[in-house]
N, C-alpha and C. Protein backbone atom coordinates (compact mmCIF):
# COMPACT_ATOMS: atom_id res chain seq x y z
N MET A 1 0.83 -1.20 0.00
CA MET A 1 0.00 0.00 0.00
C MET A 1 0.87 1.26 0.00
N ARG A 2 1.89 1.28 0.89
CA ARG A 2 2.78 2.44 0.97
C ARG A 2 3.52 2.64 -0.35
N LYS A 3 3.91 1.50 -0.95
CA LYS A 3 4.65 1.59 -2.22
C LYS A 3 3.77 2.21 -3.29
N LYS A 4 2.50 1.84 -3.33
CA LYS A 4 1.58 2.40 -4.31
C LYS A 4 1.40 3.89 -4.08
N LEU A 5 1.29 4.29 -2.81
CA LEU A 5 1.12 5.71 -2.49
C LEU A 5 2.34 6.51 -2.90
N LYS A 6 3.53 5.93 -2.70
CA LYS A 6 4.76 6.61 -3.09
C LYS A 6 4.83 6.79 -4.60
N VAL A 7 4.42 5.76 -5.33
CA VAL A 7 4.43 5.83 -6.79
C VAL A 7 3.47 6.91 -7.27
N ARG A 8 2.25 6.92 -6.67
CA ARG A 8 1.25 7.92 -7.07
C ARG A 8 1.73 9.33 -6.73
N LEU A 9 2.34 9.49 -5.55
CA LEU A 9 2.85 10.79 -5.15
C LEU A 9 3.94 11.26 -6.09
N GLY A 10 4.80 10.33 -6.50
CA GLY A 10 5.87 10.67 -7.43
C GLY A 10 5.32 11.13 -8.76
N MET A 11 4.27 10.44 -9.23
CA MET A 11 3.65 10.81 -10.51
C MET A 11 3.01 12.20 -10.42
N VAL A 12 2.37 12.48 -9.28
CA VAL A 12 1.74 13.80 -9.09
C VAL A 12 2.79 14.90 -9.09
N LEU A 13 3.91 14.67 -8.39
CA LEU A 13 4.97 15.67 -8.33
C LEU A 13 5.57 15.92 -9.70
N LEU A 14 5.74 14.85 -10.48
CA LEU A 14 6.26 15.01 -11.84
C LEU A 14 5.29 15.81 -12.69
N ALA A 15 4.00 15.55 -12.53
CA ALA A 15 3.00 16.27 -13.31
C ALA A 15 2.99 17.75 -12.95
N ILE A 16 3.10 18.04 -11.65
CA ILE A 16 3.14 19.43 -11.20
C ILE A 16 4.37 20.13 -11.75
N ALA A 17 5.50 19.45 -11.71
CA ALA A 17 6.75 20.02 -12.22
C ALA A 17 6.64 20.32 -13.71
N ALA A 18 6.00 19.42 -14.44
CA ALA A 18 5.83 19.61 -15.89
C ALA A 18 4.96 20.82 -16.17
N VAL A 19 3.87 20.98 -15.38
CA VAL A 19 2.97 22.12 -15.58
C VAL A 19 3.68 23.42 -15.29
N VAL A 20 4.44 23.46 -14.18
CA VAL A 20 5.18 24.66 -13.81
C VAL A 20 6.19 25.01 -14.90
N PHE A 21 6.86 23.99 -15.44
CA PHE A 21 7.86 24.22 -16.49
C PHE A 21 7.21 24.81 -17.73
N VAL A 22 6.06 24.26 -18.13
CA VAL A 22 5.37 24.75 -19.32
C VAL A 22 4.90 26.18 -19.11
N LEU A 23 4.29 26.47 -17.93
CA LEU A 23 3.80 27.81 -17.67
C LEU A 23 4.94 28.82 -17.63
N ARG A 24 6.09 28.41 -17.12
CA ARG A 24 7.23 29.32 -17.08
C ARG A 24 7.67 29.66 -18.50
N LEU A 25 7.67 28.66 -19.37
CA LEU A 25 8.06 28.90 -20.75
C LEU A 25 7.04 29.77 -21.48
N ARG A 26 5.79 29.73 -21.06
CA ARG A 26 4.76 30.49 -21.73
C ARG A 26 4.75 31.96 -21.32
N SER A 27 5.61 32.36 -20.42
CA SER A 27 5.72 33.76 -20.06
C SER A 27 6.49 34.49 -21.15
N PRO A 28 5.97 35.64 -21.63
CA PRO A 28 6.67 36.38 -22.68
C PRO A 28 8.08 36.77 -22.24
N SER A 29 9.03 36.65 -23.15
CA SER A 29 10.42 36.97 -22.83
C SER A 29 10.66 38.46 -22.76
N GLY A 30 9.81 39.23 -23.42
CA GLY A 30 9.98 40.68 -23.44
C GLY A 30 10.84 41.15 -24.59
N GLU A 31 11.47 40.21 -25.32
CA GLU A 31 12.33 40.59 -26.44
C GLU A 31 11.50 41.05 -27.64
N PHE A 32 10.31 40.51 -27.79
CA PHE A 32 9.42 40.94 -28.86
C PHE A 32 8.31 41.78 -28.26
N VAL A 33 8.11 42.97 -28.82
CA VAL A 33 7.06 43.87 -28.33
C VAL A 33 5.91 43.86 -29.34
N PRO A 34 4.78 43.24 -29.00
CA PRO A 34 3.65 43.15 -29.94
C PRO A 34 2.90 44.47 -30.05
N VAL A 35 2.22 44.64 -31.15
CA VAL A 35 1.36 45.81 -31.34
C VAL A 35 -0.05 45.31 -31.62
N GLU A 36 -1.03 46.19 -31.47
CA GLU A 36 -2.41 45.82 -31.73
C GLU A 36 -2.67 45.80 -33.24
N TYR A 37 -3.69 45.07 -33.62
CA TYR A 37 -4.06 44.97 -35.04
C TYR A 37 -4.41 46.34 -35.60
N ASN A 38 -3.88 46.63 -36.78
CA ASN A 38 -4.14 47.90 -37.45
C ASN A 38 -4.59 47.61 -38.88
N SER A 39 -5.87 47.78 -39.15
CA SER A 39 -6.42 47.44 -40.47
C SER A 39 -5.88 48.32 -41.58
N ALA A 40 -5.30 49.47 -41.22
CA ALA A 40 -4.74 50.37 -42.23
C ALA A 40 -3.37 49.90 -42.70
N VAL A 41 -2.78 48.98 -41.97
CA VAL A 41 -1.43 48.51 -42.30
C VAL A 41 -1.41 47.04 -42.69
N ALA A 42 -2.14 46.20 -41.94
CA ALA A 42 -2.07 44.75 -42.12
C ALA A 42 -2.89 44.27 -43.31
N TYR A 43 -2.30 43.40 -44.12
CA TYR A 43 -3.05 42.84 -45.26
C TYR A 43 -2.28 41.66 -45.88
N PHE A 44 -3.03 40.81 -46.57
CA PHE A 44 -2.44 39.76 -47.40
C PHE A 44 -2.24 40.36 -48.78
N SER A 45 -1.05 40.21 -49.34
CA SER A 45 -0.75 40.86 -50.61
C SER A 45 -1.31 40.12 -51.82
N ASN A 46 -1.77 38.89 -51.61
CA ASN A 46 -2.33 38.14 -52.72
C ASN A 46 -3.34 37.10 -52.22
N THR A 47 -4.11 36.55 -53.15
CA THR A 47 -5.10 35.53 -52.80
C THR A 47 -4.41 34.17 -52.68
N ILE A 48 -4.75 33.47 -51.61
CA ILE A 48 -4.12 32.17 -51.38
C ILE A 48 -4.73 31.11 -52.29
N LYS A 49 -3.87 30.39 -52.99
CA LYS A 49 -4.30 29.32 -53.89
C LYS A 49 -3.68 28.00 -53.43
N THR A 50 -4.52 27.00 -53.28
CA THR A 50 -4.06 25.72 -52.73
C THR A 50 -4.65 24.55 -53.49
N GLU A 51 -4.14 23.36 -53.18
CA GLU A 51 -4.73 22.12 -53.67
C GLU A 51 -4.68 21.09 -52.55
N TRP A 52 -5.73 20.29 -52.46
CA TRP A 52 -5.76 19.24 -51.46
C TRP A 52 -4.78 18.13 -51.84
N ILE A 53 -4.21 17.51 -50.82
CA ILE A 53 -3.30 16.39 -51.05
C ILE A 53 -4.08 15.09 -50.90
N ARG A 54 -4.11 14.29 -51.93
CA ARG A 54 -4.83 13.02 -51.85
C ARG A 54 -4.05 12.03 -51.00
N ALA A 55 -4.74 11.41 -50.08
CA ALA A 55 -4.08 10.43 -49.20
C ALA A 55 -5.15 9.52 -48.59
N THR A 56 -4.77 8.28 -48.32
CA THR A 56 -5.69 7.34 -47.68
C THR A 56 -5.68 7.52 -46.17
N ASP A 57 -4.57 8.06 -45.65
CA ASP A 57 -4.46 8.31 -44.22
C ASP A 57 -5.34 9.51 -43.86
N PRO A 58 -6.26 9.37 -42.89
CA PRO A 58 -7.16 10.48 -42.51
C PRO A 58 -6.42 11.74 -42.11
N GLU A 59 -5.27 11.58 -41.43
CA GLU A 59 -4.50 12.75 -41.01
C GLU A 59 -3.93 13.49 -42.22
N ALA A 60 -3.34 12.74 -43.13
CA ALA A 60 -2.73 13.34 -44.31
C ALA A 60 -3.77 13.93 -45.25
N SER A 61 -5.00 13.41 -45.20
CA SER A 61 -6.04 13.91 -46.10
C SER A 61 -6.49 15.32 -45.74
N ARG A 62 -6.11 15.79 -44.55
CA ARG A 62 -6.45 17.16 -44.15
C ARG A 62 -5.43 18.18 -44.66
N GLN A 63 -4.36 17.71 -45.26
CA GLN A 63 -3.30 18.61 -45.70
C GLN A 63 -3.60 19.22 -47.06
N PHE A 64 -3.10 20.43 -47.25
CA PHE A 64 -3.15 21.02 -48.58
C PHE A 64 -1.84 21.71 -48.88
N ARG A 65 -1.58 21.90 -50.16
CA ARG A 65 -0.30 22.45 -50.63
C ARG A 65 -0.53 23.84 -51.25
N LEU A 66 0.36 24.77 -50.92
CA LEU A 66 0.29 26.09 -51.54
C LEU A 66 0.75 26.01 -52.99
N LEU A 67 -0.04 26.58 -53.89
CA LEU A 67 0.33 26.57 -55.30
C LEU A 67 1.14 27.80 -55.69
N GLU A 68 0.99 28.87 -54.92
CA GLU A 68 1.73 30.10 -55.17
C GLU A 68 2.22 30.68 -53.85
N PRO A 69 3.27 31.49 -53.88
CA PRO A 69 3.76 32.10 -52.64
C PRO A 69 2.69 33.00 -52.01
N VAL A 70 2.75 33.12 -50.69
CA VAL A 70 1.82 33.97 -49.95
C VAL A 70 2.64 34.97 -49.13
N GLU A 71 2.18 36.19 -49.11
CA GLU A 71 2.88 37.22 -48.32
C GLU A 71 1.87 37.96 -47.45
N TYR A 72 2.23 38.13 -46.18
CA TYR A 72 1.38 38.88 -45.25
C TYR A 72 2.19 40.01 -44.64
N ILE A 73 1.65 41.21 -44.69
CA ILE A 73 2.28 42.36 -44.05
C ILE A 73 1.52 42.61 -42.76
N ALA A 74 2.19 42.49 -41.63
CA ALA A 74 1.55 42.59 -40.33
C ALA A 74 1.40 44.04 -39.88
N SER A 75 0.71 44.21 -38.77
CA SER A 75 0.43 45.55 -38.25
C SER A 75 1.68 46.31 -37.84
N ASN A 76 2.76 45.61 -37.55
CA ASN A 76 4.03 46.27 -37.24
C ASN A 76 4.92 46.41 -38.47
N GLN A 77 4.32 46.15 -39.64
CA GLN A 77 4.97 46.25 -40.95
C GLN A 77 6.03 45.16 -41.20
N SER A 78 6.06 44.14 -40.36
CA SER A 78 6.93 43.00 -40.63
C SER A 78 6.33 42.18 -41.77
N ILE A 79 7.17 41.52 -42.54
CA ILE A 79 6.73 40.76 -43.70
C ILE A 79 6.88 39.26 -43.43
N TRP A 80 5.81 38.52 -43.72
CA TRP A 80 5.78 37.09 -43.48
C TRP A 80 5.47 36.40 -44.80
N GLN A 81 6.31 35.45 -45.19
CA GLN A 81 6.16 34.82 -46.49
C GLN A 81 6.12 33.29 -46.38
N ALA A 82 5.20 32.71 -47.14
CA ALA A 82 5.11 31.25 -47.24
C ALA A 82 5.35 30.87 -48.69
N GLN A 83 6.30 29.99 -48.92
CA GLN A 83 6.68 29.63 -50.28
C GLN A 83 5.68 28.66 -50.92
N ALA A 84 5.62 28.70 -52.23
CA ALA A 84 4.82 27.72 -52.97
C ALA A 84 5.35 26.32 -52.64
N GLY A 85 4.44 25.38 -52.48
CA GLY A 85 4.83 24.01 -52.13
C GLY A 85 4.75 23.73 -50.65
N SER A 86 4.56 24.76 -49.82
CA SER A 86 4.43 24.56 -48.38
C SER A 86 3.21 23.70 -48.08
N ILE A 87 3.34 22.79 -47.12
CA ILE A 87 2.25 21.91 -46.73
C ILE A 87 1.59 22.45 -45.47
N ILE A 88 0.28 22.58 -45.51
CA ILE A 88 -0.47 23.14 -44.39
C ILE A 88 -1.45 22.09 -43.86
N ASP A 89 -1.50 21.95 -42.51
CA ASP A 89 -2.45 20.99 -41.94
C ASP A 89 -3.12 21.49 -40.66
N GLY A 90 -2.74 22.69 -40.21
CA GLY A 90 -3.37 23.24 -39.01
C GLY A 90 -2.93 22.59 -37.72
N ALA A 91 -1.85 21.81 -37.75
CA ALA A 91 -1.40 21.07 -36.57
C ALA A 91 -0.93 21.98 -35.44
N SER A 92 -0.64 23.23 -35.75
CA SER A 92 -0.14 24.15 -34.72
C SER A 92 -1.28 24.70 -33.86
N ILE A 93 -2.52 24.36 -34.20
CA ILE A 93 -3.69 24.87 -33.48
C ILE A 93 -4.43 23.70 -32.82
N PRO A 94 -4.60 23.71 -31.49
CA PRO A 94 -5.29 22.61 -30.82
C PRO A 94 -6.66 22.34 -31.44
N ARG A 95 -6.99 21.07 -31.66
CA ARG A 95 -8.19 20.71 -32.42
C ARG A 95 -9.50 21.04 -31.72
N ALA A 96 -9.48 21.18 -30.41
CA ALA A 96 -10.72 21.48 -29.69
C ALA A 96 -11.33 22.80 -30.16
N PHE A 97 -10.51 23.66 -30.73
CA PHE A 97 -11.00 24.97 -31.17
C PHE A 97 -11.56 24.92 -32.59
N TRP A 98 -11.32 23.83 -33.29
CA TRP A 98 -11.77 23.72 -34.67
C TRP A 98 -13.30 23.73 -34.76
N THR A 99 -13.97 23.14 -33.77
CA THR A 99 -15.43 23.08 -33.79
C THR A 99 -16.06 24.41 -33.39
N ILE A 100 -15.27 25.30 -32.79
CA ILE A 100 -15.79 26.59 -32.34
C ILE A 100 -15.63 27.67 -33.41
N VAL A 101 -14.45 27.73 -34.00
CA VAL A 101 -14.16 28.79 -34.98
C VAL A 101 -14.06 28.26 -36.40
N GLY A 102 -13.97 26.95 -36.53
CA GLY A 102 -13.81 26.35 -37.85
C GLY A 102 -12.44 25.73 -38.00
N ALA A 103 -12.32 24.76 -38.88
CA ALA A 103 -11.04 24.09 -39.09
C ALA A 103 -10.05 25.05 -39.76
N PRO A 104 -8.78 24.97 -39.41
CA PRO A 104 -7.79 25.88 -40.00
C PRO A 104 -7.58 25.69 -41.49
N THR A 105 -7.98 24.54 -42.01
CA THR A 105 -7.81 24.29 -43.44
C THR A 105 -9.00 24.73 -44.27
N THR A 106 -10.14 24.96 -43.63
CA THR A 106 -11.35 25.33 -44.37
C THR A 106 -12.09 26.50 -43.75
N GLY A 107 -11.77 26.86 -42.51
CA GLY A 107 -12.49 27.91 -41.80
C GLY A 107 -12.14 29.31 -42.29
N PRO A 108 -12.78 30.32 -41.69
CA PRO A 108 -12.59 31.70 -42.12
C PRO A 108 -11.19 32.26 -41.85
N TYR A 109 -10.43 31.55 -41.02
CA TYR A 109 -9.07 32.03 -40.72
C TYR A 109 -8.00 31.19 -41.44
N ARG A 110 -8.39 30.51 -42.52
CA ARG A 110 -7.46 29.65 -43.25
C ARG A 110 -6.20 30.40 -43.68
N ASP A 111 -6.37 31.63 -44.18
CA ASP A 111 -5.22 32.40 -44.64
C ASP A 111 -4.22 32.63 -43.51
N ALA A 112 -4.75 32.93 -42.32
CA ALA A 112 -3.89 33.16 -41.16
C ALA A 112 -3.19 31.87 -40.74
N SER A 113 -3.90 30.74 -40.84
CA SER A 113 -3.30 29.46 -40.43
C SER A 113 -2.16 29.06 -41.36
N VAL A 114 -2.22 29.51 -42.62
CA VAL A 114 -1.13 29.23 -43.55
C VAL A 114 0.17 29.85 -43.04
N ILE A 115 0.12 31.13 -42.71
CA ILE A 115 1.30 31.82 -42.21
C ILE A 115 1.77 31.20 -40.90
N HIS A 116 0.83 30.91 -40.01
CA HIS A 116 1.18 30.37 -38.69
C HIS A 116 1.81 28.98 -38.81
N ASP A 117 1.21 28.12 -39.61
CA ASP A 117 1.75 26.76 -39.78
C ASP A 117 3.17 26.79 -40.34
N VAL A 118 3.38 27.61 -41.37
CA VAL A 118 4.69 27.67 -42.02
C VAL A 118 5.77 28.15 -41.05
N TYR A 119 5.47 29.17 -40.27
CA TYR A 119 6.49 29.70 -39.36
C TYR A 119 6.65 28.85 -38.09
N CYS A 120 5.63 28.09 -37.74
CA CYS A 120 5.80 27.12 -36.65
C CYS A 120 6.71 25.99 -37.10
N ASP A 121 6.66 25.65 -38.38
CA ASP A 121 7.55 24.63 -38.93
C ASP A 121 8.98 25.16 -39.06
N ARG A 122 9.11 26.38 -39.55
CA ARG A 122 10.45 26.95 -39.78
C ARG A 122 11.16 27.32 -38.48
N LYS A 123 10.38 27.89 -37.55
CA LYS A 123 10.94 28.37 -36.27
C LYS A 123 12.04 29.42 -36.49
N GLU A 124 11.86 30.24 -37.51
CA GLU A 124 12.83 31.30 -37.81
C GLU A 124 12.68 32.48 -36.86
N ARG A 125 11.45 32.70 -36.39
CA ARG A 125 11.19 33.80 -35.48
C ARG A 125 10.71 33.22 -34.15
N SER A 126 10.72 34.03 -33.13
CA SER A 126 10.35 33.53 -31.80
C SER A 126 8.92 33.02 -31.79
N TRP A 127 8.65 32.12 -30.85
CA TRP A 127 7.29 31.60 -30.74
C TRP A 127 6.32 32.70 -30.35
N GLU A 128 6.78 33.68 -29.55
CA GLU A 128 5.90 34.79 -29.17
C GLU A 128 5.46 35.60 -30.39
N GLU A 129 6.42 35.91 -31.27
CA GLU A 129 6.11 36.70 -32.45
C GLU A 129 5.26 35.90 -33.44
N THR A 130 5.55 34.62 -33.57
CA THR A 130 4.80 33.76 -34.50
C THR A 130 3.35 33.62 -34.07
N HIS A 131 3.11 33.46 -32.77
CA HIS A 131 1.73 33.36 -32.30
C HIS A 131 1.02 34.71 -32.35
N TRP A 132 1.79 35.79 -32.14
CA TRP A 132 1.20 37.13 -32.24
C TRP A 132 0.71 37.40 -33.66
N VAL A 133 1.53 37.06 -34.65
CA VAL A 133 1.14 37.36 -36.03
C VAL A 133 -0.07 36.53 -36.44
N PHE A 134 -0.28 35.40 -35.80
CA PHE A 134 -1.48 34.60 -36.08
C PHE A 134 -2.73 35.39 -35.70
N ARG A 135 -2.73 35.99 -34.52
CA ARG A 135 -3.86 36.83 -34.10
C ARG A 135 -4.05 37.99 -35.06
N ASP A 136 -2.95 38.63 -35.43
CA ASP A 136 -2.99 39.77 -36.34
C ASP A 136 -3.58 39.36 -37.69
N ALA A 137 -3.11 38.23 -38.22
CA ALA A 137 -3.58 37.76 -39.53
C ALA A 137 -5.02 37.26 -39.46
N CYS A 138 -5.44 36.75 -38.31
CA CYS A 138 -6.83 36.34 -38.14
C CYS A 138 -7.76 37.54 -38.32
N ARG A 139 -7.38 38.67 -37.75
CA ARG A 139 -8.18 39.88 -37.91
C ARG A 139 -8.19 40.32 -39.37
N ALA A 140 -7.02 40.27 -40.01
CA ALA A 140 -6.93 40.66 -41.43
C ALA A 140 -7.75 39.73 -42.31
N ALA A 141 -7.89 38.47 -41.88
CA ALA A 141 -8.65 37.48 -42.65
C ALA A 141 -10.15 37.63 -42.47
N GLY A 142 -10.56 38.47 -41.50
CA GLY A 142 -11.98 38.74 -41.33
C GLY A 142 -12.59 38.30 -40.02
N LEU A 143 -11.80 37.67 -39.12
CA LEU A 143 -12.36 37.26 -37.83
C LEU A 143 -12.59 38.48 -36.93
N GLY A 144 -13.63 38.39 -36.10
CA GLY A 144 -13.90 39.45 -35.13
C GLY A 144 -12.93 39.37 -33.96
N PRO A 145 -12.94 40.39 -33.08
CA PRO A 145 -11.99 40.44 -31.96
C PRO A 145 -12.02 39.23 -31.04
N TRP A 146 -13.23 38.78 -30.63
CA TRP A 146 -13.26 37.69 -29.66
C TRP A 146 -12.76 36.39 -30.26
N GLN A 147 -13.06 36.16 -31.54
CA GLN A 147 -12.59 34.93 -32.18
C GLN A 147 -11.07 34.94 -32.37
N ALA A 148 -10.54 36.08 -32.79
CA ALA A 148 -9.09 36.19 -32.95
C ALA A 148 -8.39 36.05 -31.61
N ASN A 149 -8.98 36.62 -30.57
CA ASN A 149 -8.40 36.51 -29.22
C ASN A 149 -8.43 35.06 -28.73
N LEU A 150 -9.52 34.37 -29.03
CA LEU A 150 -9.63 32.96 -28.63
C LEU A 150 -8.53 32.13 -29.29
N LEU A 151 -8.34 32.30 -30.58
CA LEU A 151 -7.32 31.53 -31.28
C LEU A 151 -5.93 31.92 -30.81
N TYR A 152 -5.75 33.19 -30.46
CA TYR A 152 -4.45 33.61 -29.94
C TYR A 152 -4.17 32.93 -28.59
N LEU A 153 -5.15 32.93 -27.71
CA LEU A 153 -4.97 32.26 -26.42
C LEU A 153 -4.69 30.78 -26.62
N ALA A 154 -5.35 30.19 -27.62
CA ALA A 154 -5.16 28.77 -27.90
C ALA A 154 -3.71 28.46 -28.25
N VAL A 155 -3.12 29.27 -29.12
CA VAL A 155 -1.74 28.98 -29.53
C VAL A 155 -0.72 29.52 -28.53
N PHE A 156 -1.05 30.62 -27.85
CA PHE A 156 -0.10 31.17 -26.88
C PHE A 156 0.09 30.23 -25.70
N HIS A 157 -1.00 29.64 -25.23
CA HIS A 157 -0.91 28.76 -24.06
C HIS A 157 -0.72 27.29 -24.43
N TYR A 158 -1.20 26.87 -25.60
CA TYR A 158 -1.18 25.45 -25.92
C TYR A 158 -0.52 25.12 -27.26
N GLY A 159 -0.10 26.13 -28.00
CA GLY A 159 0.58 25.89 -29.26
C GLY A 159 2.05 25.54 -29.04
N PRO A 160 2.77 25.24 -30.10
CA PRO A 160 4.19 24.86 -29.96
C PRO A 160 5.06 26.04 -29.53
N ILE A 161 6.12 25.74 -28.79
CA ILE A 161 7.10 26.75 -28.41
C ILE A 161 8.50 26.20 -28.66
N TRP A 162 9.44 27.10 -28.92
CA TRP A 162 10.80 26.69 -29.24
C TRP A 162 11.80 27.72 -28.75
N THR A 163 13.06 27.33 -28.70
CA THR A 163 14.12 28.21 -28.24
C THR A 163 14.57 29.13 -29.38
N ASP A 164 15.47 30.06 -29.06
CA ASP A 164 15.96 31.01 -30.06
C ASP A 164 16.68 30.32 -31.22
N ASP A 165 17.26 29.15 -30.95
CA ASP A 165 17.96 28.44 -32.02
C ASP A 165 17.05 27.48 -32.79
N GLY A 166 15.74 27.54 -32.50
CA GLY A 166 14.79 26.72 -33.24
C GLY A 166 14.55 25.33 -32.69
N THR A 167 15.05 25.05 -31.49
CA THR A 167 14.84 23.74 -30.87
C THR A 167 13.44 23.67 -30.25
N LEU A 168 12.65 22.71 -30.69
CA LEU A 168 11.29 22.56 -30.17
C LEU A 168 11.33 22.17 -28.70
N GLN A 169 10.62 22.92 -27.86
CA GLN A 169 10.57 22.60 -26.43
C GLN A 169 9.23 22.03 -26.01
N GLN A 170 8.17 22.37 -26.72
CA GLN A 170 6.86 21.84 -26.40
C GLN A 170 6.02 21.83 -27.66
N ASN A 171 5.51 20.68 -28.03
CA ASN A 171 4.65 20.61 -29.21
C ASN A 171 3.24 21.06 -28.83
N THR A 172 2.35 21.11 -29.79
CA THR A 172 0.97 21.53 -29.54
C THR A 172 0.34 20.65 -28.49
N ILE A 173 -0.28 21.27 -27.49
CA ILE A 173 -0.95 20.55 -26.41
C ILE A 173 -2.44 20.47 -26.73
N GLN A 174 -2.98 19.27 -26.78
CA GLN A 174 -4.41 19.09 -27.05
C GLN A 174 -5.19 19.21 -25.75
N ILE A 175 -6.24 20.02 -25.76
CA ILE A 175 -7.07 20.18 -24.57
C ILE A 175 -8.48 19.67 -24.89
N ASP A 176 -9.30 19.50 -23.85
CA ASP A 176 -10.64 18.97 -24.08
C ASP A 176 -11.59 20.07 -24.55
N GLU A 177 -12.69 19.67 -25.15
CA GLU A 177 -13.65 20.61 -25.72
C GLU A 177 -14.33 21.46 -24.65
N LYS A 178 -14.47 20.91 -23.45
CA LYS A 178 -15.09 21.66 -22.36
C LYS A 178 -14.24 22.87 -22.00
N THR A 179 -12.93 22.67 -21.93
CA THR A 179 -12.02 23.78 -21.63
C THR A 179 -12.04 24.81 -22.75
N ALA A 180 -12.04 24.34 -23.99
CA ALA A 180 -12.09 25.25 -25.14
C ALA A 180 -13.38 26.07 -25.13
N ALA A 181 -14.47 25.44 -24.74
CA ALA A 181 -15.75 26.15 -24.69
C ALA A 181 -15.73 27.23 -23.61
N LYS A 182 -15.09 26.94 -22.47
CA LYS A 182 -14.96 27.94 -21.41
C LYS A 182 -14.12 29.13 -21.89
N MET A 183 -13.08 28.83 -22.65
CA MET A 183 -12.24 29.89 -23.19
C MET A 183 -13.03 30.75 -24.17
N ALA A 184 -13.86 30.11 -24.99
CA ALA A 184 -14.68 30.84 -25.95
C ALA A 184 -15.68 31.75 -25.23
N GLU A 185 -16.27 31.23 -24.17
CA GLU A 185 -17.23 32.03 -23.40
C GLU A 185 -16.53 33.24 -22.77
N PHE A 186 -15.33 33.01 -22.25
CA PHE A 186 -14.56 34.09 -21.65
C PHE A 186 -14.24 35.16 -22.68
N CYS A 187 -13.82 34.76 -23.87
CA CYS A 187 -13.46 35.72 -24.92
C CYS A 187 -14.67 36.48 -25.43
N GLN A 188 -15.82 35.83 -25.49
CA GLN A 188 -17.04 36.51 -25.92
C GLN A 188 -17.46 37.57 -24.90
N GLU A 189 -17.22 37.27 -23.62
CA GLU A 189 -17.58 38.22 -22.57
C GLU A 189 -16.56 39.34 -22.43
N ASN A 190 -15.35 39.11 -22.95
CA ASN A 190 -14.28 40.10 -22.85
C ASN A 190 -13.61 40.30 -24.21
N PRO A 191 -14.35 40.83 -25.19
CA PRO A 191 -13.84 40.90 -26.56
C PRO A 191 -12.77 41.97 -26.80
N ASP A 192 -12.65 42.91 -25.87
CA ASP A 192 -11.77 44.05 -26.10
C ASP A 192 -10.43 43.98 -25.36
N LEU A 193 -10.04 42.79 -24.92
CA LEU A 193 -8.78 42.66 -24.21
C LEU A 193 -7.61 42.95 -25.14
N SER A 194 -6.62 43.66 -24.62
CA SER A 194 -5.44 43.99 -25.41
C SER A 194 -4.50 42.79 -25.48
N ILE A 195 -3.51 42.87 -26.33
CA ILE A 195 -2.54 41.78 -26.46
C ILE A 195 -1.79 41.57 -25.15
N ASP A 196 -1.47 42.66 -24.45
CA ASP A 196 -0.78 42.54 -23.17
C ASP A 196 -1.67 41.86 -22.13
N GLU A 197 -2.93 42.22 -22.10
CA GLU A 197 -3.86 41.60 -21.15
C GLU A 197 -4.04 40.12 -21.45
N LEU A 198 -4.10 39.77 -22.72
CA LEU A 198 -4.25 38.37 -23.11
C LEU A 198 -3.04 37.55 -22.68
N GLN A 199 -1.84 38.11 -22.85
CA GLN A 199 -0.63 37.38 -22.50
C GLN A 199 -0.52 37.14 -21.00
N ASN A 200 -1.10 38.03 -20.21
CA ASN A 200 -0.96 37.93 -18.76
C ASN A 200 -2.11 37.19 -18.09
N LEU A 201 -3.03 36.66 -18.88
CA LEU A 201 -4.13 35.89 -18.31
C LEU A 201 -3.61 34.58 -17.73
N ASP A 202 -4.16 34.19 -16.61
CA ASP A 202 -3.83 32.92 -15.98
C ASP A 202 -4.74 31.84 -16.55
N PRO A 203 -4.20 30.76 -17.12
CA PRO A 203 -5.04 29.67 -17.66
C PRO A 203 -6.02 29.08 -16.65
N LYS A 204 -5.78 29.31 -15.36
CA LYS A 204 -6.68 28.78 -14.35
C LYS A 204 -8.09 29.35 -14.51
N ILE A 205 -8.20 30.50 -15.18
CA ILE A 205 -9.51 31.12 -15.39
C ILE A 205 -10.46 30.14 -16.08
N TRP A 206 -9.94 29.41 -17.06
CA TRP A 206 -10.80 28.48 -17.81
C TRP A 206 -10.51 27.02 -17.52
N GLU A 207 -9.34 26.75 -16.95
CA GLU A 207 -9.02 25.35 -16.64
C GLU A 207 -9.66 24.90 -15.34
N GLY A 208 -10.13 25.87 -14.53
CA GLY A 208 -10.84 25.54 -13.30
C GLY A 208 -9.97 24.93 -12.23
N LEU A 209 -8.64 25.28 -12.23
CA LEU A 209 -7.74 24.71 -11.22
C LEU A 209 -7.80 25.49 -9.93
């Protein structure tokens, strides 16, 4: 009995340590200073053209390939480019949010997911900046404030993160639909939160811890 309790206690401590480690990594480094969405500056320079990839594997069947390069100019005037031939599958966005806002491959924010997926794969820029531009591009793609904020919280807290040299430290974390629904309700009730306020939110608000 004591041995079982020790094993369970050890597992709990490991789980707590893992959560603390992830939350520490999710704190903004301060090296990238985000700006709010500006419709007068941010835009996609061309229409995204894609083709579905035929596959028998259900996972691979969700992928599509860019037929032409895509360029997005963000609100801070930074330029984000995705080359022709890039493969997009929305894997950088937790799936629980797909039923709320739509799938990243077919939903209203598809254009934004293209940029986000490509830069999550490349890891050329910091994870903070990459997740920020996703929110920015979601607005440019036509999403309203609460929906863009929801998707930003999804990737900021549960999307992939990496070090400055591009080493993956945490892959996309899948959460349950109940938690995603709580996040959606929170964002609908607080649609005007700034990027700074969103970054400083404690996940306990919707995780119920």
